[in-house]
Amino acid sequence: MGQMALTLVLRSITEPRLVARWLLGLKLSREALLICFALVVVLNTLLFGVAVLMDPAPLPWFLAQPSVYGILQAGSLVATIFAFLWGGRLFSGTAQVADIAILVIWMQTLRVLVQVVLLVLMPVSAFIGGLAVSLSSVIGFWILLHFIDEAHGFGSLLKALGTIVFGLMGMAFAISILLTLIGVDPTGINGNV
C-alpha cells in the first residue's frame, strides 16, 4: 500500500495525466469524497498548527485559531472546486463536481506531504526550505494544469490555463466575501481591534 502511494505521488509529477485519469476512474461516492475532503482539511489544519507552534510570530486573529483556519481552508477548497468547474465551463469543459473534487483533494494530499517536508527543512535551512517552496509551487502548477485539462477533456493546456486563471480570480472573489462575512475588513484588520 505504501509503495503504491509513493508511486502515485511520483507519477503525479512525471505523468500527471495518467494519475488524473486513474483518480477520475475511481468514481468515488459522494460520501467517500466528503470523508477525503474532511481528512485533507484536518491534516492541513494540524500541520498549520504545528508550523505556528514552531514559529510563534503574531498572526491575524482569524489565522491564530485552528478552528477558524480549518473553516477557511474548507471554504477555500469548496471555492476552488466550483471556480475550476465553472471556469472550465467557459471553455466548454465537461467536468463534473466530483471530477474536480477528487483532483483538488489529491492536490491537497500532495500539499500535506510538502508541508511535512517543509516542517523538517525550515529549521535546518531557511534557504533550502525557500527553494523547496518555490520548486513545489512550480511542480504543483504543472500538475494542476494537466489535471484540469484531463478533468474537462480539453486536450489543450491553453484552455486549462484559462480555466485556472478564471478559477483563481473567482476563488479570490469568493474568499474576499468569506473574509468579509467573518468580520475582516479589506485591509485584513478586524474592525473591533
Protein backbone atom coordinates (compact mmCIF):
# COMPACT_ATOMS: atom_id res chain seq x y z
CA MET A 1 0.00 0.00 0.00
CA GLY A 2 2.81 2.41 0.94
CA GLN A 3 4.70 1.55 -2.27
CA MET A 4 1.58 2.27 -4.35
CA ALA A 5 1.09 5.64 -2.63
CA LEU A 6 4.72 6.61 -3.25
CA THR A 7 4.40 5.57 -6.90
CA LEU A 8 1.23 7.65 -7.22
CA VAL A 9 2.98 10.68 -5.70
CA LEU A 10 5.96 10.35 -8.07
CA ARG A 11 3.75 9.77 -11.10
CA SER A 12 1.74 12.86 -10.18
CA ILE A 13 4.94 14.75 -11.05
CA THR A 14 6.16 12.72 -14.02
CA GLU A 15 2.83 11.61 -15.52
CA PRO A 16 0.09 13.88 -14.15
CA ARG A 17 -2.38 12.99 -16.92
CA LEU A 18 -2.09 9.30 -16.13
CA VAL A 19 -2.69 9.95 -12.43
CA ALA A 20 -5.64 12.24 -13.25
CA ARG A 21 -7.21 9.52 -15.40
CA TRP A 22 -6.69 6.96 -12.64
CA LEU A 23 -8.22 9.25 -9.99
CA LEU A 24 -11.17 10.12 -12.22
CA GLY A 25 -11.67 6.43 -12.95
CA LEU A 26 -12.14 5.66 -9.25
CA LYS A 27 -15.64 7.18 -9.42
CA LEU A 28 -15.74 7.65 -5.65
CA SER A 29 -19.11 8.02 -3.98
CA ARG A 30 -20.19 11.37 -2.55
CA GLU A 31 -19.64 10.02 0.97
CA ALA A 32 -16.08 8.89 0.15
CA LEU A 33 -15.29 12.29 -1.38
CA LEU A 34 -16.63 14.08 1.70
CA ILE A 35 -14.51 11.89 4.01
CA CYS A 36 -11.40 12.53 1.90
CA PHE A 37 -12.21 16.24 1.80
CA ALA A 38 -12.60 16.39 5.59
CA LEU A 39 -9.37 14.42 6.07
CA VAL A 40 -7.24 16.80 3.96
CA VAL A 41 -8.76 19.82 5.71
CA VAL A 42 -7.97 18.34 9.14
CA LEU A 43 -4.43 17.35 8.12
CA ASN A 44 -3.70 20.77 6.62
CA THR A 45 -5.08 22.46 9.75
CA LEU A 46 -2.98 20.26 12.06
CA LEU A 47 0.19 20.95 10.07
CA PHE A 48 -0.56 24.66 10.08
CA GLY A 49 -0.93 24.47 13.86
CA VAL A 50 2.43 22.70 14.17
CA ALA A 51 4.04 25.35 11.95
CA VAL A 52 2.59 28.10 14.16
CA LEU A 53 4.00 26.40 17.27
CA MET A 54 7.43 26.18 15.63
CA ASP A 55 7.37 29.86 14.61
CA PRO A 56 5.24 31.80 17.09
CA ALA A 57 5.19 35.02 15.06
CA PRO A 58 1.98 37.02 15.59
CA LEU A 59 -0.84 36.11 13.21
CA PRO A 60 -4.11 37.83 12.33
CA TRP A 61 -6.84 36.68 14.72
CA PHE A 62 -8.60 34.66 12.01
CA LEU A 63 -5.47 32.54 11.42
CA ALA A 64 -4.43 32.19 15.06
CA GLN A 65 -7.39 29.92 15.87
CA PRO A 66 -7.13 26.40 14.37
CA SER A 67 -10.91 26.03 14.09
CA VAL A 68 -11.22 29.27 12.13
CA TYR A 69 -8.26 28.29 9.94
CA GLY A 70 -9.92 24.92 9.27
CA ILE A 71 -13.19 26.61 8.27
CA LEU A 72 -11.29 28.98 5.97
CA GLN A 73 -9.38 26.03 4.50
CA ALA A 74 -12.60 24.12 3.82
CA GLY A 75 -14.28 27.21 2.37
CA SER A 76 -11.35 27.96 0.07
CA LEU A 77 -11.29 24.35 -1.17
CA VAL A 78 -15.01 24.41 -1.94
CA ALA A 79 -14.49 27.74 -3.72
CA THR A 80 -11.58 26.24 -5.66
CA ILE A 81 -13.63 23.24 -6.78
CA PHE A 82 -16.51 25.34 -8.05
CA ALA A 83 -14.26 28.01 -9.52
CA PHE A 84 -12.37 25.41 -11.59
CA LEU A 85 -15.67 23.75 -12.54
CA TRP A 86 -17.28 26.98 -13.75
CA GLY A 87 -14.04 28.35 -15.17
CA GLY A 88 -13.79 25.23 -17.30
CA ARG A 89 -17.37 25.62 -18.50
CA LEU A 90 -16.33 28.96 -20.04
CA PHE A 91 -14.12 26.91 -22.36
CA SER A 92 -16.74 24.15 -22.97
CA GLY A 93 -15.27 21.85 -20.34
CA THR A 94 -17.20 18.74 -19.39
CA ALA A 95 -16.00 18.02 -15.82
CA GLN A 96 -18.50 17.32 -13.05
CA VAL A 97 -18.17 18.46 -9.43
CA ALA A 98 -16.91 15.01 -8.34
CA ASP A 99 -14.21 15.09 -11.04
CA ILE A 100 -12.78 18.40 -9.90
CA ALA A 101 -13.24 17.46 -6.24
CA ILE A 102 -11.15 14.26 -6.41
CA LEU A 103 -8.34 16.08 -8.22
CA VAL A 104 -8.35 19.04 -5.79
CA ILE A 105 -8.39 16.59 -2.85
CA TRP A 106 -5.37 14.77 -4.31
CA MET A 107 -3.58 18.11 -4.82
CA GLN A 108 -4.24 18.89 -1.16
CA THR A 109 -2.85 15.49 -0.19
CA LEU A 110 0.33 16.35 -2.08
CA ARG A 111 0.34 19.70 -0.27
CA VAL A 112 0.23 17.89 3.09
CA LEU A 113 3.33 15.92 2.06
CA VAL A 114 5.10 19.13 1.02
CA GLN A 115 4.19 20.74 4.36
CA VAL A 116 5.69 17.80 6.25
CA VAL A 117 8.93 18.13 4.26
CA LEU A 118 8.98 21.89 4.89
CA LEU A 119 8.48 21.40 8.64
CA VAL A 120 11.67 19.32 8.59
CA LEU A 121 13.65 21.57 6.21
CA MET A 122 12.82 25.04 7.55
CA PRO A 123 14.51 24.66 10.95
CA VAL A 124 17.60 23.18 9.23
CA SER A 125 17.94 25.80 6.48
CA ALA A 126 15.55 28.59 5.58
CA PHE A 127 17.28 28.87 2.19
CA ILE A 128 16.73 25.21 1.30
CA GLY A 129 13.18 25.45 2.65
CA GLY A 130 12.57 28.50 0.45
CA LEU A 131 13.89 26.63 -2.58
CA ALA A 132 11.62 23.70 -1.75
CA VAL A 133 8.62 26.06 -1.55
CA SER A 134 9.45 27.55 -4.97
CA LEU A 135 10.04 24.16 -6.56
CA SER A 136 6.87 22.68 -5.09
CA SER A 137 4.85 25.67 -6.36
CA VAL A 138 6.11 25.18 -9.91
CA ILE A 139 5.53 21.42 -9.79
CA GLY A 140 2.10 21.94 -8.24
CA PHE A 141 1.11 24.29 -11.06
CA TRP A 142 2.38 21.76 -13.63
CA ILE A 143 0.26 19.01 -12.06
CA LEU A 144 -2.81 21.25 -11.74
CA LEU A 145 -2.58 22.32 -15.38
CA HIS A 146 -2.68 18.70 -16.57
CA PHE A 147 -5.33 17.70 -14.01
CA ILE A 148 -7.68 20.45 -15.18
CA ASP A 149 -7.06 19.56 -18.82
CA GLU A 150 -7.91 15.90 -18.17
CA ALA A 151 -10.95 16.61 -16.00
CA HIS A 152 -12.55 18.94 -18.53
CA GLY A 153 -11.47 16.91 -21.57
CA PHE A 154 -9.96 19.94 -23.29
CA GLY A 155 -6.95 18.40 -24.98
CA SER A 156 -5.49 21.91 -24.68
CA LEU A 157 -3.19 23.18 -21.95
CA LEU A 158 -4.08 26.73 -23.03
CA LYS A 159 -7.75 26.15 -22.15
CA ALA A 160 -6.64 24.56 -18.88
CA LEU A 161 -4.54 27.65 -18.16
CA GLY A 162 -7.55 29.88 -18.91
CA THR A 163 -9.63 27.77 -16.53
CA ILE A 164 -7.04 28.14 -13.78
CA VAL A 165 -6.78 31.92 -14.30
CA PHE A 166 -10.56 32.42 -14.25
CA GLY A 167 -10.85 29.90 -11.40
CA LEU A 168 -8.29 31.70 -9.26
CA MET A 169 -9.97 35.05 -9.91
CA GLY A 170 -13.31 33.53 -8.89
CA MET A 171 -11.76 31.91 -5.83
CA ALA A 172 -10.16 35.20 -4.75
CA PHE A 173 -13.55 36.87 -5.05
CA ALA A 174 -15.22 34.11 -3.01
CA ILE A 175 -12.55 34.24 -0.31
CA SER A 176 -12.83 38.01 -0.05
CA ILE A 177 -16.59 37.62 0.51
CA LEU A 178 -15.96 34.89 3.12
CA LEU A 179 -13.44 37.08 4.97
CA THR A 180 -15.87 40.00 4.91
CA LEU A 181 -18.61 37.78 6.35
CA ILE A 182 -16.41 36.78 9.30
CA GLY A 183 -15.54 40.39 10.04
CA VAL A 184 -12.23 41.03 8.29
CA ASP A 185 -12.15 44.38 6.52
CA PRO A 186 -10.33 44.85 3.16
CA THR A 187 -7.06 45.75 4.90
CA GLY A 188 -7.17 42.47 6.82
CA ILE A 189 -7.58 44.13 10.21
CA ASN A 190 -10.55 43.38 12.39
CA GLY A 191 -12.62 46.49 12.89
CA ASN A 192 -13.18 45.56 16.58
CA VAL A 193 -9.49 45.82 17.49
